[in-house]
Every structure is written in structure tokens, then in C-alpha cells.
Amino acid sequence: MDYIRRLPVYLLLDCSGSMSGEPIVAVNQGIKALISELKGDPKALETAYLSVITFDSSARQVTPLTELMLFKEPQLSTGGATALGGALKVLADCVKNEVRTTTDTQKGDWKPLVFLLTDGAPTDNIDEGIEAIKSVSIGNVIACGAGANANSNTLKKITNNVLMMNNLTAGDMAQFFAWVSDSIKVSSNSIDAKPGEAVQLPPPPQGFVIVP
């Protein structure tokens, strides 16, 4: 069977109590802007599929992997703790269940892109989550720590690609989601040229710090 190889994109979004107010409003607006931006890019429209996983005291997939034209933005609300380890486990399960692997008869999907946004330290066992995502094949994981309470050392355990955002203002969130959409566009436009290679993502927004 011949079909387009999909570029699966997973957004892991912190919806703990500390994200309430302006931050979660900005996240909801950011997802909306991300979708409308991607719909304007023919290649992204063809290849990118998006899923949203949220975590507070527990973690869940609120939007399964969906093509952009059919994607409905979830309305996210906040409360509870920060089950980041649980979110990584949910991610690993979703990748196992949703991402097509290459077989003798079909080419599989591209390796997933994962964007993680959190403003605090995990309140559950993160090591179990890290073990879980090591068991699946993922292209790039980009973790963004937002505000003073995000711990870059914890995020570095998950991935080498860690950005820190100074605060949780609407402006910073908008920049983050604009950068995510640019990253997805760059990825969807360059995967054919360099299949299997890690994609070079665009430089992060001004004022964001890349953790070495």
C-alpha cells in the first residue's frame, strides 16, 4: 500500500496548577496559532500529524495523532501536580500504538518530533518515564523549561535539546509556539532530502537560553 509517510508530532504540555491564569490561556492560543500557521504550509499539511498529551496529577493523551485538517484544538485547563514521568510513559505508549514502523511491504512514518513544555519539577518518578521513551524510536525531543521553577538538570536527563524560557508571559509562549511551528515546517520540508537524519531545527527565539 502506498501512502504518504507521516511526520508525527507530539506536544507534551504541563497543565499543573502553577500554569493557571495567563500561562494556560497563552498555551491554548499558542496551539491555535500553531495549527493555523501549519495549515498554510503545503508540505506540513501533507506530512505533519499532531497529538497533544497533557499532565497534571496524572497524564493523558487528549488528542490522538491527527492530520492537521481534522485537528480540533483541545481547551486545556489546569490543576494538580506535575506527573512528567507519567507523561513520558504515555508518550512511549502512543508512539508504539500510533507510529507506523517500516515493514517489508511499507515504509514506516518518520521518527516523531516531541516538544515538551513544563514550568516545574516533576512530582512523580521521572526515571521510569525516561526508560519508557528509550524503548521507542524518536527523532528529536525538545524540552522547554518555562519560568524560575523549571529545572534544566531534570530536563537534560530526558534530552540534550533543552531550552529555558525566562517567564510564562503570553509573549514568550507565543514565541515558543511560533518556533515550534517553524521547527515542524523545517522538518516536514527537509525529511525527503535527508531521510533518517536528525533535522537541524531553526534557532530558538530571542531571549530563550539553550542549555549546554
N, C-alpha and C. Protein backbone atom coordinates (compact mmCIF):
# COMPACT_ATOMS: atom_id res chain seq x y z
N MET A 1 0.84 -1.19 0.00
CA MET A 1 0.00 0.00 0.00
C MET A 1 0.87 1.25 0.00
N ASP A 2 0.54 2.18 -0.85
CA ASP A 2 1.36 3.38 -0.96
C ASP A 2 0.67 4.53 -0.24
N TYR A 3 1.38 5.17 0.65
CA TYR A 3 0.77 6.32 1.31
C TYR A 3 1.88 7.28 1.70
N ILE A 4 1.48 8.47 2.06
CA ILE A 4 2.44 9.49 2.50
C ILE A 4 3.05 9.07 3.83
N ARG A 5 4.36 9.17 3.93
CA ARG A 5 4.98 8.92 5.24
C ARG A 5 4.68 10.11 6.13
N ARG A 6 4.12 9.84 7.28
CA ARG A 6 3.72 10.93 8.17
C ARG A 6 4.89 11.39 9.04
N LEU A 7 4.85 12.65 9.42
CA LEU A 7 5.77 13.17 10.43
C LEU A 7 4.95 13.35 11.71
N PRO A 8 5.04 12.39 12.65
CA PRO A 8 4.25 12.51 13.87
C PRO A 8 4.87 13.56 14.81
N VAL A 9 4.03 14.45 15.33
CA VAL A 9 4.49 15.49 16.25
C VAL A 9 3.69 15.37 17.53
N TYR A 10 4.39 15.23 18.65
CA TYR A 10 3.73 15.12 19.95
C TYR A 10 4.04 16.35 20.79
N LEU A 11 2.99 17.01 21.28
CA LEU A 11 3.15 18.13 22.21
C LEU A 11 2.83 17.62 23.61
N LEU A 12 3.81 17.70 24.52
CA LEU A 12 3.60 17.31 25.92
C LEU A 12 3.50 18.60 26.73
N LEU A 13 2.33 18.88 27.26
CA LEU A 13 2.07 20.19 27.86
C LEU A 13 1.72 20.07 29.34
N ASP A 14 2.43 20.84 30.13
CA ASP A 14 2.23 20.89 31.57
C ASP A 14 0.94 21.66 31.88
N CYS A 15 0.00 20.99 32.53
CA CYS A 15 -1.26 21.65 32.92
C CYS A 15 -1.43 21.63 34.44
N SER A 16 -0.31 21.64 35.16
CA SER A 16 -0.38 21.65 36.63
C SER A 16 -0.91 22.99 37.11
N GLY A 17 -1.23 23.06 38.40
CA GLY A 17 -1.84 24.25 38.97
C GLY A 17 -1.05 25.53 38.74
N SER A 18 0.28 25.40 38.69
CA SER A 18 1.11 26.61 38.53
C SER A 18 1.01 27.22 37.13
N MET A 19 0.39 26.49 36.21
CA MET A 19 0.20 27.03 34.84
C MET A 19 -1.12 27.79 34.72
N SER A 20 -1.86 27.92 35.82
CA SER A 20 -3.19 28.55 35.71
C SER A 20 -3.09 30.04 35.40
N GLY A 21 -4.18 30.59 34.88
CA GLY A 21 -4.19 32.01 34.55
C GLY A 21 -3.60 32.27 33.18
N GLU A 22 -2.77 33.31 33.12
CA GLU A 22 -2.21 33.74 31.82
C GLU A 22 -1.47 32.62 31.08
N PRO A 23 -0.64 31.81 31.78
CA PRO A 23 0.11 30.79 31.03
C PRO A 23 -0.76 29.83 30.24
N ILE A 24 -1.82 29.28 30.85
CA ILE A 24 -2.62 28.28 30.13
C ILE A 24 -3.44 28.93 29.02
N VAL A 25 -3.87 30.18 29.24
CA VAL A 25 -4.56 30.91 28.17
C VAL A 25 -3.62 31.04 26.98
N ALA A 26 -2.35 31.38 27.29
CA ALA A 26 -1.35 31.54 26.22
C ALA A 26 -1.05 30.22 25.52
N VAL A 27 -1.08 29.11 26.27
CA VAL A 27 -0.86 27.79 25.66
C VAL A 27 -2.00 27.47 24.69
N ASN A 28 -3.23 27.70 25.13
CA ASN A 28 -4.38 27.45 24.26
C ASN A 28 -4.31 28.30 22.99
N GLN A 29 -3.93 29.57 23.16
CA GLN A 29 -3.79 30.45 21.98
C GLN A 29 -2.64 29.99 21.09
N GLY A 30 -1.57 29.50 21.76
CA GLY A 30 -0.40 29.04 21.02
C GLY A 30 -0.71 27.84 20.13
N ILE A 31 -1.51 26.91 20.64
CA ILE A 31 -1.89 25.73 19.84
C ILE A 31 -2.70 26.17 18.62
N LYS A 32 -3.62 27.12 18.86
CA LYS A 32 -4.47 27.63 17.78
C LYS A 32 -3.61 28.27 16.69
N ALA A 33 -2.64 29.10 17.12
CA ALA A 33 -1.75 29.78 16.16
C ALA A 33 -0.89 28.76 15.41
N LEU A 34 -0.42 27.75 16.14
CA LEU A 34 0.41 26.70 15.56
C LEU A 34 -0.33 25.99 14.42
N ILE A 35 -1.59 25.63 14.68
CA ILE A 35 -2.37 24.91 13.67
C ILE A 35 -2.61 25.79 12.45
N SER A 36 -2.98 27.05 12.67
CA SER A 36 -3.29 27.89 11.50
C SER A 36 -2.02 28.17 10.70
N GLU A 37 -0.90 28.30 11.38
CA GLU A 37 0.40 28.50 10.71
C GLU A 37 0.75 27.28 9.85
N LEU A 38 0.60 26.09 10.42
CA LEU A 38 0.96 24.87 9.70
C LEU A 38 0.04 24.60 8.52
N LYS A 39 -1.23 24.98 8.67
CA LYS A 39 -2.18 24.76 7.57
C LYS A 39 -1.81 25.59 6.34
N GLY A 40 -1.02 26.63 6.55
CA GLY A 40 -0.60 27.48 5.43
C GLY A 40 0.64 26.96 4.73
N ASP A 41 1.19 25.84 5.21
CA ASP A 41 2.41 25.28 4.62
C ASP A 41 2.07 23.96 3.94
N PRO A 42 2.11 23.91 2.59
CA PRO A 42 1.65 22.71 1.88
C PRO A 42 2.33 21.43 2.32
N LYS A 43 3.63 21.50 2.55
CA LYS A 43 4.37 20.28 2.92
C LYS A 43 3.99 19.81 4.32
N ALA A 44 3.87 20.76 5.24
CA ALA A 44 3.47 20.40 6.61
C ALA A 44 2.06 19.82 6.59
N LEU A 45 1.20 20.43 5.79
CA LEU A 45 -0.19 19.98 5.69
C LEU A 45 -0.25 18.53 5.21
N GLU A 46 0.69 18.19 4.34
CA GLU A 46 0.71 16.85 3.76
C GLU A 46 1.28 15.82 4.73
N THR A 47 2.31 16.22 5.49
CA THR A 47 3.05 15.20 6.27
C THR A 47 2.86 15.26 7.78
N ALA A 48 2.63 16.45 8.33
CA ALA A 48 2.63 16.56 9.80
C ALA A 48 1.30 16.09 10.40
N TYR A 49 1.41 15.26 11.40
CA TYR A 49 0.26 14.79 12.19
C TYR A 49 0.54 15.18 13.65
N LEU A 50 -0.47 15.65 14.34
CA LEU A 50 -0.24 16.26 15.65
C LEU A 50 -1.02 15.54 16.74
N SER A 51 -0.37 15.38 17.89
CA SER A 51 -1.04 14.81 19.06
C SER A 51 -0.72 15.68 20.27
N VAL A 52 -1.67 15.75 21.21
CA VAL A 52 -1.45 16.52 22.44
C VAL A 52 -1.58 15.59 23.64
N ILE A 53 -0.53 15.61 24.48
CA ILE A 53 -0.53 14.86 25.74
C ILE A 53 -0.41 15.90 26.86
N THR A 54 -1.29 15.84 27.85
CA THR A 54 -1.19 16.80 28.96
C THR A 54 -0.88 16.06 30.24
N PHE A 55 -0.30 16.79 31.19
CA PHE A 55 -0.04 16.18 32.50
C PHE A 55 -0.27 17.19 33.62
N ASP A 56 -0.95 16.71 34.66
CA ASP A 56 -1.08 17.44 35.92
C ASP A 56 -0.79 16.41 37.00
N SER A 57 -1.78 16.02 37.82
CA SER A 57 -1.50 14.95 38.79
C SER A 57 -1.41 13.58 38.11
N SER A 58 -1.95 13.50 36.89
CA SER A 58 -1.77 12.29 36.08
C SER A 58 -1.54 12.76 34.63
N ALA A 59 -1.32 11.82 33.74
CA ALA A 59 -1.03 12.18 32.34
C ALA A 59 -2.00 11.47 31.43
N ARG A 60 -2.36 12.12 30.31
CA ARG A 60 -3.29 11.50 29.35
C ARG A 60 -3.05 12.08 27.97
N GLN A 61 -3.43 11.32 26.96
CA GLN A 61 -3.41 11.84 25.60
C GLN A 61 -4.78 12.46 25.34
N VAL A 62 -4.82 13.79 25.14
CA VAL A 62 -6.13 14.43 24.93
C VAL A 62 -6.49 14.49 23.45
N THR A 63 -5.48 14.47 22.59
CA THR A 63 -5.75 14.42 21.15
C THR A 63 -4.87 13.34 20.53
N PRO A 64 -5.47 12.28 19.96
CA PRO A 64 -4.65 11.27 19.29
C PRO A 64 -3.98 11.86 18.05
N LEU A 65 -3.04 11.15 17.49
CA LEU A 65 -2.30 11.63 16.32
C LEU A 65 -3.29 11.90 15.18
N THR A 66 -3.38 13.17 14.78
CA THR A 66 -4.43 13.61 13.85
C THR A 66 -3.84 14.46 12.74
N GLU A 67 -4.35 14.28 11.53
CA GLU A 67 -3.88 15.15 10.44
C GLU A 67 -4.36 16.58 10.68
N LEU A 68 -3.60 17.55 10.16
CA LEU A 68 -3.86 18.95 10.50
C LEU A 68 -5.26 19.41 10.13
N MET A 69 -5.76 18.98 8.97
CA MET A 69 -7.07 19.46 8.53
C MET A 69 -8.19 19.02 9.47
N LEU A 70 -7.98 17.91 10.16
CA LEU A 70 -9.04 17.38 11.05
C LEU A 70 -8.78 17.70 12.52
N PHE A 71 -7.66 18.39 12.79
CA PHE A 71 -7.26 18.63 14.18
C PHE A 71 -8.19 19.65 14.84
N LYS A 72 -8.73 19.28 15.99
CA LYS A 72 -9.54 20.23 16.78
C LYS A 72 -8.76 20.59 18.04
N GLU A 73 -8.57 21.88 18.25
CA GLU A 73 -7.77 22.28 19.42
C GLU A 73 -8.48 21.90 20.71
N PRO A 74 -7.77 21.22 21.60
CA PRO A 74 -8.38 20.93 22.91
C PRO A 74 -8.40 22.20 23.75
N GLN A 75 -9.39 22.36 24.60
CA GLN A 75 -9.37 23.50 25.53
C GLN A 75 -8.75 23.01 26.84
N LEU A 76 -7.53 23.43 27.09
CA LEU A 76 -6.80 22.90 28.24
C LEU A 76 -7.10 23.72 29.49
N SER A 77 -7.23 23.02 30.62
CA SER A 77 -7.41 23.70 31.90
C SER A 77 -6.34 23.17 32.86
N THR A 78 -6.23 23.78 34.03
CA THR A 78 -5.10 23.46 34.91
C THR A 78 -5.57 22.98 36.28
N GLY A 79 -4.63 22.39 37.01
CA GLY A 79 -4.87 21.96 38.39
C GLY A 79 -3.98 20.78 38.71
N GLY A 80 -3.63 20.64 40.00
CA GLY A 80 -2.89 19.45 40.40
C GLY A 80 -1.38 19.59 40.29
N ALA A 81 -0.73 18.43 40.33
CA ALA A 81 0.73 18.34 40.42
C ALA A 81 1.36 18.20 39.03
N THR A 82 2.58 17.65 38.96
CA THR A 82 3.33 17.62 37.70
C THR A 82 3.83 16.21 37.39
N ALA A 83 2.96 15.39 36.81
CA ALA A 83 3.30 13.98 36.53
C ALA A 83 4.06 13.86 35.22
N LEU A 84 5.27 14.41 35.20
CA LEU A 84 6.07 14.40 33.96
C LEU A 84 6.52 12.99 33.60
N GLY A 85 6.88 12.20 34.60
CA GLY A 85 7.27 10.80 34.33
C GLY A 85 6.11 10.05 33.68
N GLY A 86 4.91 10.28 34.19
CA GLY A 86 3.71 9.66 33.62
C GLY A 86 3.49 10.09 32.18
N ALA A 87 3.76 11.38 31.91
CA ALA A 87 3.57 11.89 30.54
C ALA A 87 4.53 11.20 29.57
N LEU A 88 5.76 10.94 30.01
CA LEU A 88 6.73 10.26 29.15
C LEU A 88 6.29 8.82 28.87
N LYS A 89 5.70 8.18 29.89
CA LYS A 89 5.19 6.82 29.68
C LYS A 89 4.04 6.81 28.68
N VAL A 90 3.12 7.80 28.82
CA VAL A 90 2.01 7.91 27.87
C VAL A 90 2.56 8.13 26.46
N LEU A 91 3.57 8.99 26.35
CA LEU A 91 4.21 9.24 25.05
C LEU A 91 4.74 7.94 24.44
N ALA A 92 5.45 7.16 25.25
CA ALA A 92 6.03 5.91 24.74
C ALA A 92 4.93 4.98 24.24
N ASP A 93 3.83 4.89 24.99
CA ASP A 93 2.70 4.04 24.57
C ASP A 93 2.10 4.54 23.26
N CYS A 94 1.94 5.87 23.16
CA CYS A 94 1.34 6.44 21.95
C CYS A 94 2.23 6.19 20.72
N VAL A 95 3.54 6.34 20.90
CA VAL A 95 4.46 6.09 19.78
C VAL A 95 4.37 4.63 19.35
N LYS A 96 4.30 3.73 20.33
CA LYS A 96 4.18 2.29 19.99
C LYS A 96 2.89 2.01 19.22
N ASN A 97 1.80 2.66 19.64
CA ASN A 97 0.49 2.34 19.07
C ASN A 97 0.16 3.11 17.80
N GLU A 98 0.74 4.30 17.63
CA GLU A 98 0.29 5.18 16.54
C GLU A 98 1.28 5.32 15.39
N VAL A 99 2.57 5.19 15.69
CA VAL A 99 3.57 5.44 14.64
C VAL A 99 3.81 4.16 13.85
N ARG A 100 3.63 4.26 12.53
CA ARG A 100 3.81 3.07 11.69
C ARG A 100 5.29 2.76 11.54
N THR A 101 5.62 1.51 11.69
CA THR A 101 7.02 1.11 11.52
C THR A 101 7.22 0.55 10.12
N THR A 102 8.46 0.56 9.68
CA THR A 102 8.78 0.05 8.35
C THR A 102 8.69 -1.48 8.35
N THR A 103 8.01 -2.02 7.35
CA THR A 103 7.96 -3.48 7.19
C THR A 103 8.40 -3.81 5.77
N ASP A 104 8.34 -5.09 5.41
CA ASP A 104 8.72 -5.48 4.04
C ASP A 104 7.81 -4.84 3.00
N THR A 105 6.57 -4.57 3.39
CA THR A 105 5.61 -4.08 2.39
C THR A 105 5.36 -2.58 2.46
N GLN A 106 5.77 -1.94 3.54
CA GLN A 106 5.51 -0.50 3.61
C GLN A 106 6.67 0.25 4.28
N LYS A 107 6.83 1.50 3.88
CA LYS A 107 7.77 2.36 4.58
C LYS A 107 7.04 2.93 5.79
N GLY A 108 7.73 2.96 6.90
CA GLY A 108 7.09 3.49 8.10
C GLY A 108 7.06 5.02 8.11
N ASP A 109 6.47 5.56 9.17
CA ASP A 109 6.47 7.01 9.34
C ASP A 109 7.88 7.51 9.65
N TRP A 110 8.04 8.82 9.55
CA TRP A 110 9.29 9.44 10.00
C TRP A 110 9.34 9.34 11.52
N LYS A 111 10.55 9.49 12.06
CA LYS A 111 10.68 9.45 13.52
C LYS A 111 9.97 10.66 14.13
N PRO A 112 9.23 10.46 15.21
CA PRO A 112 8.44 11.56 15.78
C PRO A 112 9.29 12.72 16.30
N LEU A 113 8.70 13.89 16.22
CA LEU A 113 9.23 15.10 16.87
C LEU A 113 8.43 15.29 18.14
N VAL A 114 9.11 15.57 19.25
CA VAL A 114 8.42 15.76 20.53
C VAL A 114 8.80 17.11 21.12
N PHE A 115 7.79 17.90 21.48
CA PHE A 115 8.03 19.18 22.15
C PHE A 115 7.39 19.11 23.53
N LEU A 116 8.23 19.32 24.55
CA LEU A 116 7.76 19.25 25.93
C LEU A 116 7.84 20.64 26.55
N LEU A 117 6.75 21.06 27.17
CA LEU A 117 6.72 22.37 27.84
C LEU A 117 6.33 22.16 29.29
N THR A 118 7.19 22.60 30.23
CA THR A 118 6.87 22.44 31.65
C THR A 118 7.39 23.64 32.44
N ASP A 119 6.70 23.96 33.54
CA ASP A 119 7.14 25.11 34.34
C ASP A 119 7.59 24.70 35.73
N GLY A 120 7.71 23.39 35.98
CA GLY A 120 8.10 22.99 37.34
C GLY A 120 8.81 21.66 37.37
N ALA A 121 9.16 21.23 38.59
CA ALA A 121 9.85 19.95 38.75
C ALA A 121 8.81 18.83 38.80
N PRO A 122 9.16 17.66 38.26
CA PRO A 122 8.21 16.55 38.28
C PRO A 122 7.88 16.11 39.70
N THR A 123 6.65 15.68 39.92
CA THR A 123 6.23 15.22 41.24
C THR A 123 6.09 13.69 41.26
N ASP A 124 6.49 13.03 40.16
CA ASP A 124 6.43 11.57 40.14
C ASP A 124 7.79 11.04 39.73
N ASN A 125 7.87 9.74 39.47
CA ASN A 125 9.15 9.11 39.15
C ASN A 125 9.49 9.34 37.68
N ILE A 126 10.43 10.24 37.45
CA ILE A 126 10.75 10.58 36.07
C ILE A 126 11.61 9.50 35.41
N ASP A 127 12.38 8.75 36.23
CA ASP A 127 13.30 7.75 35.66
C ASP A 127 12.53 6.65 34.93
N GLU A 128 11.37 6.27 35.46
CA GLU A 128 10.56 5.26 34.77
C GLU A 128 10.11 5.77 33.40
N GLY A 129 9.75 7.05 33.36
CA GLY A 129 9.34 7.66 32.09
C GLY A 129 10.47 7.71 31.09
N ILE A 130 11.67 8.03 31.58
CA ILE A 130 12.84 8.10 30.70
C ILE A 130 13.15 6.71 30.13
N GLU A 131 13.05 5.69 30.98
CA GLU A 131 13.26 4.31 30.50
C GLU A 131 12.26 3.97 29.41
N ALA A 132 11.00 4.39 29.62
CA ALA A 132 9.94 4.07 28.66
C ALA A 132 10.22 4.69 27.29
N ILE A 133 10.66 5.96 27.27
CA ILE A 133 10.87 6.57 25.95
C ILE A 133 12.15 6.06 25.27
N LYS A 134 13.05 5.47 26.07
CA LYS A 134 14.25 4.87 25.44
C LYS A 134 13.86 3.62 24.65
N SER A 135 12.68 3.06 24.97
CA SER A 135 12.29 1.81 24.32
C SER A 135 11.63 2.05 22.95
N VAL A 136 11.41 3.32 22.60
CA VAL A 136 10.78 3.62 21.30
C VAL A 136 11.70 4.52 20.48
N SER A 137 11.44 4.57 19.20
CA SER A 137 12.31 5.35 18.31
C SER A 137 11.72 6.75 18.11
N ILE A 138 12.45 7.76 18.58
CA ILE A 138 12.00 9.14 18.48
C ILE A 138 13.10 9.95 17.80
N GLY A 139 12.71 10.86 16.89
CA GLY A 139 13.71 11.67 16.19
C GLY A 139 14.33 12.71 17.09
N ASN A 140 13.57 13.72 17.43
CA ASN A 140 14.06 14.79 18.29
C ASN A 140 13.10 14.99 19.45
N VAL A 141 13.65 15.14 20.66
CA VAL A 141 12.85 15.59 21.79
C VAL A 141 13.39 16.96 22.19
N ILE A 142 12.51 17.96 22.20
CA ILE A 142 12.91 19.30 22.60
C ILE A 142 12.15 19.64 23.86
N ALA A 143 12.87 19.91 24.95
CA ALA A 143 12.22 20.24 26.21
C ALA A 143 12.39 21.73 26.47
N CYS A 144 11.30 22.39 26.81
CA CYS A 144 11.35 23.81 27.13
C CYS A 144 10.92 24.00 28.57
N GLY A 145 11.83 24.51 29.39
CA GLY A 145 11.51 24.82 30.77
C GLY A 145 11.10 26.28 30.85
N ALA A 146 9.94 26.54 31.46
CA ALA A 146 9.41 27.90 31.49
C ALA A 146 9.41 28.43 32.91
N GLY A 147 10.03 29.59 33.10
CA GLY A 147 9.97 30.24 34.40
C GLY A 147 11.02 29.73 35.37
N ALA A 148 11.03 30.34 36.56
CA ALA A 148 12.10 30.13 37.53
C ALA A 148 12.09 28.75 38.17
N ASN A 149 10.93 28.08 38.17
CA ASN A 149 10.85 26.80 38.88
C ASN A 149 11.16 25.58 38.00
N ALA A 150 11.39 25.82 36.72
CA ALA A 150 11.72 24.69 35.83
C ALA A 150 13.19 24.32 36.06
N ASN A 151 13.45 23.02 36.13
CA ASN A 151 14.80 22.56 36.44
C ASN A 151 15.47 21.99 35.18
N SER A 152 16.49 22.72 34.71
CA SER A 152 17.14 22.29 33.46
C SER A 152 17.87 20.96 33.64
N ASN A 153 18.38 20.67 34.84
CA ASN A 153 19.09 19.40 35.05
C ASN A 153 18.16 18.21 34.86
N THR A 154 16.93 18.36 35.35
CA THR A 154 15.94 17.29 35.17
C THR A 154 15.65 17.10 33.69
N LEU A 155 15.47 18.22 32.98
CA LEU A 155 15.13 18.13 31.55
C LEU A 155 16.29 17.54 30.75
N LYS A 156 17.52 17.82 31.18
CA LYS A 156 18.69 17.28 30.46
C LYS A 156 18.76 15.76 30.57
N LYS A 157 18.13 15.21 31.62
CA LYS A 157 18.09 13.74 31.73
C LYS A 157 17.23 13.14 30.62
N ILE A 158 16.23 13.94 30.18
CA ILE A 158 15.30 13.44 29.17
C ILE A 158 15.88 13.61 27.77
N THR A 159 16.53 14.74 27.52
CA THR A 159 17.01 15.07 26.18
C THR A 159 18.18 16.05 26.25
N ASN A 160 19.01 16.05 25.21
CA ASN A 160 20.08 17.06 25.14
C ASN A 160 19.58 18.40 24.64
N ASN A 161 18.38 18.41 24.04
CA ASN A 161 17.85 19.65 23.47
C ASN A 161 16.96 20.34 24.50
N VAL A 162 17.56 21.21 25.32
CA VAL A 162 16.78 21.89 26.37
C VAL A 162 16.87 23.40 26.17
N LEU A 163 15.70 24.02 26.15
CA LEU A 163 15.61 25.49 26.09
C LEU A 163 15.03 25.98 27.40
N MET A 164 15.49 27.13 27.86
CA MET A 164 14.86 27.74 29.03
C MET A 164 14.23 29.07 28.63
N MET A 165 13.00 29.23 29.07
CA MET A 165 12.24 30.46 28.81
C MET A 165 12.16 31.18 30.16
N ASN A 166 12.52 32.48 30.18
CA ASN A 166 12.61 33.16 31.48
C ASN A 166 11.31 33.23 32.24
N ASN A 167 10.23 33.53 31.53
CA ASN A 167 8.97 33.63 32.26
C ASN A 167 7.81 33.13 31.42
N LEU A 168 6.65 33.12 32.04
CA LEU A 168 5.50 32.49 31.42
C LEU A 168 4.55 33.52 30.82
N THR A 169 5.10 34.57 30.26
CA THR A 169 4.22 35.60 29.71
C THR A 169 3.60 35.12 28.39
N ALA A 170 2.50 35.77 28.04
CA ALA A 170 1.84 35.44 26.78
C ALA A 170 2.79 35.62 25.60
N GLY A 171 3.62 36.67 25.66
CA GLY A 171 4.58 36.94 24.58
C GLY A 171 5.57 35.81 24.41
N ASP A 172 6.12 35.32 25.52
CA ASP A 172 7.09 34.23 25.46
C ASP A 172 6.44 32.95 24.94
N MET A 173 5.21 32.68 25.41
CA MET A 173 4.50 31.49 24.94
C MET A 173 4.25 31.57 23.43
N ALA A 174 3.83 32.75 22.98
CA ALA A 174 3.56 32.93 21.55
C ALA A 174 4.83 32.67 20.75
N GLN A 175 5.97 33.16 21.27
CA GLN A 175 7.25 32.93 20.58
C GLN A 175 7.60 31.44 20.56
N PHE A 176 7.33 30.77 21.68
CA PHE A 176 7.63 29.34 21.76
C PHE A 176 6.83 28.57 20.70
N PHE A 177 5.52 28.83 20.64
CA PHE A 177 4.69 28.09 19.68
C PHE A 177 5.01 28.46 18.24
N ALA A 178 5.40 29.72 18.01
CA ALA A 178 5.81 30.11 16.65
C ALA A 178 7.07 29.34 16.26
N TRP A 179 7.97 29.17 17.24
CA TRP A 179 9.21 28.42 16.98
C TRP A 179 8.90 26.94 16.72
N VAL A 180 7.95 26.39 17.49
CA VAL A 180 7.54 25.00 17.26
C VAL A 180 7.01 24.84 15.84
N SER A 181 6.16 25.80 15.40
CA SER A 181 5.61 25.66 14.04
C SER A 181 6.72 25.79 12.99
N ASP A 182 7.67 26.70 13.21
CA ASP A 182 8.82 26.80 12.28
C ASP A 182 9.59 25.48 12.25
N SER A 183 9.79 24.88 13.42
CA SER A 183 10.55 23.63 13.51
C SER A 183 9.85 22.50 12.75
N ILE A 184 8.51 22.46 12.89
CA ILE A 184 7.75 21.41 12.19
C ILE A 184 7.82 21.65 10.69
N LYS A 185 7.73 22.93 10.28
CA LYS A 185 7.81 23.23 8.84
C LYS A 185 9.17 22.83 8.27
N VAL A 186 10.23 23.22 9.00
CA VAL A 186 11.59 22.87 8.55
C VAL A 186 11.72 21.35 8.44
N SER A 187 11.21 20.65 9.44
CA SER A 187 11.31 19.18 9.45
C SER A 187 10.54 18.59 8.29
N SER A 188 9.30 19.04 8.08
CA SER A 188 8.49 18.42 7.03
C SER A 188 9.04 18.74 5.65
N ASN A 189 9.75 19.88 5.55
CA ASN A 189 10.31 20.24 4.24
C ASN A 189 11.68 19.61 3.97
N SER A 190 12.34 19.12 5.04
CA SER A 190 13.69 18.59 4.80
C SER A 190 13.79 17.07 4.96
N ILE A 191 12.70 16.42 5.41
CA ILE A 191 12.83 14.97 5.63
C ILE A 191 13.08 14.21 4.34
N ASP A 192 12.48 14.66 3.25
CA ASP A 192 12.69 13.93 1.99
C ASP A 192 14.14 14.05 1.53
N ALA A 193 14.72 15.22 1.79
CA ALA A 193 16.09 15.45 1.33
C ALA A 193 17.09 14.62 2.13
N LYS A 194 16.83 14.49 3.43
CA LYS A 194 17.78 13.77 4.28
C LYS A 194 17.05 12.73 5.13
N PRO A 195 16.51 11.71 4.51
CA PRO A 195 15.74 10.74 5.29
C PRO A 195 16.59 10.08 6.37
N GLY A 196 16.01 9.97 7.56
CA GLY A 196 16.72 9.25 8.63
C GLY A 196 17.68 10.10 9.43
N GLU A 197 18.05 11.26 8.91
CA GLU A 197 18.98 12.09 9.67
C GLU A 197 18.21 13.00 10.62
N ALA A 198 18.87 13.38 11.72
CA ALA A 198 18.23 14.33 12.63
C ALA A 198 18.12 15.67 11.91
N VAL A 199 17.00 16.29 12.04
CA VAL A 199 16.76 17.55 11.33
C VAL A 199 17.36 18.70 12.12
N GLN A 200 18.01 19.62 11.43
CA GLN A 200 18.51 20.82 12.08
C GLN A 200 17.34 21.77 12.30
N LEU A 201 17.04 22.05 13.55
CA LEU A 201 15.90 22.93 13.84
C LEU A 201 16.34 24.39 13.77
N PRO A 202 15.40 25.30 13.53
CA PRO A 202 15.76 26.71 13.48
C PRO A 202 16.24 27.21 14.84
N PRO A 203 17.02 28.30 14.88
CA PRO A 203 17.47 28.82 16.17
C PRO A 203 16.29 29.25 17.03
N PRO A 204 16.38 29.05 18.35
CA PRO A 204 15.26 29.38 19.21
C PRO A 204 15.02 30.89 19.30
N PRO A 205 13.86 31.29 19.80
CA PRO A 205 13.54 32.71 19.87
C PRO A 205 14.53 33.49 20.73
N GLN A 206 14.59 34.77 20.44
CA GLN A 206 15.48 35.66 21.20
C GLN A 206 15.07 35.63 22.68
N GLY A 207 16.06 35.59 23.55
CA GLY A 207 15.74 35.59 24.97
C GLY A 207 15.59 34.20 25.57
N PHE A 208 15.50 33.19 24.69
CA PHE A 208 15.47 31.80 25.19
C PHE A 208 16.91 31.32 25.28
N VAL A 209 17.22 30.56 26.30
CA VAL A 209 18.60 30.11 26.51
C VAL A 209 18.68 28.62 26.20
N ILE A 210 19.64 28.24 25.34
CA ILE A 210 19.87 26.81 25.09
C ILE A 210 20.79 26.31 26.19
N VAL A 211 20.37 25.26 26.89
CA VAL A 211 21.18 24.74 27.99
C VAL A 211 22.27 23.85 27.39
N PRO A 212 23.54 24.20 27.64
CA PRO A 212 24.64 23.42 27.03
C PRO A 212 24.75 22.02 27.63
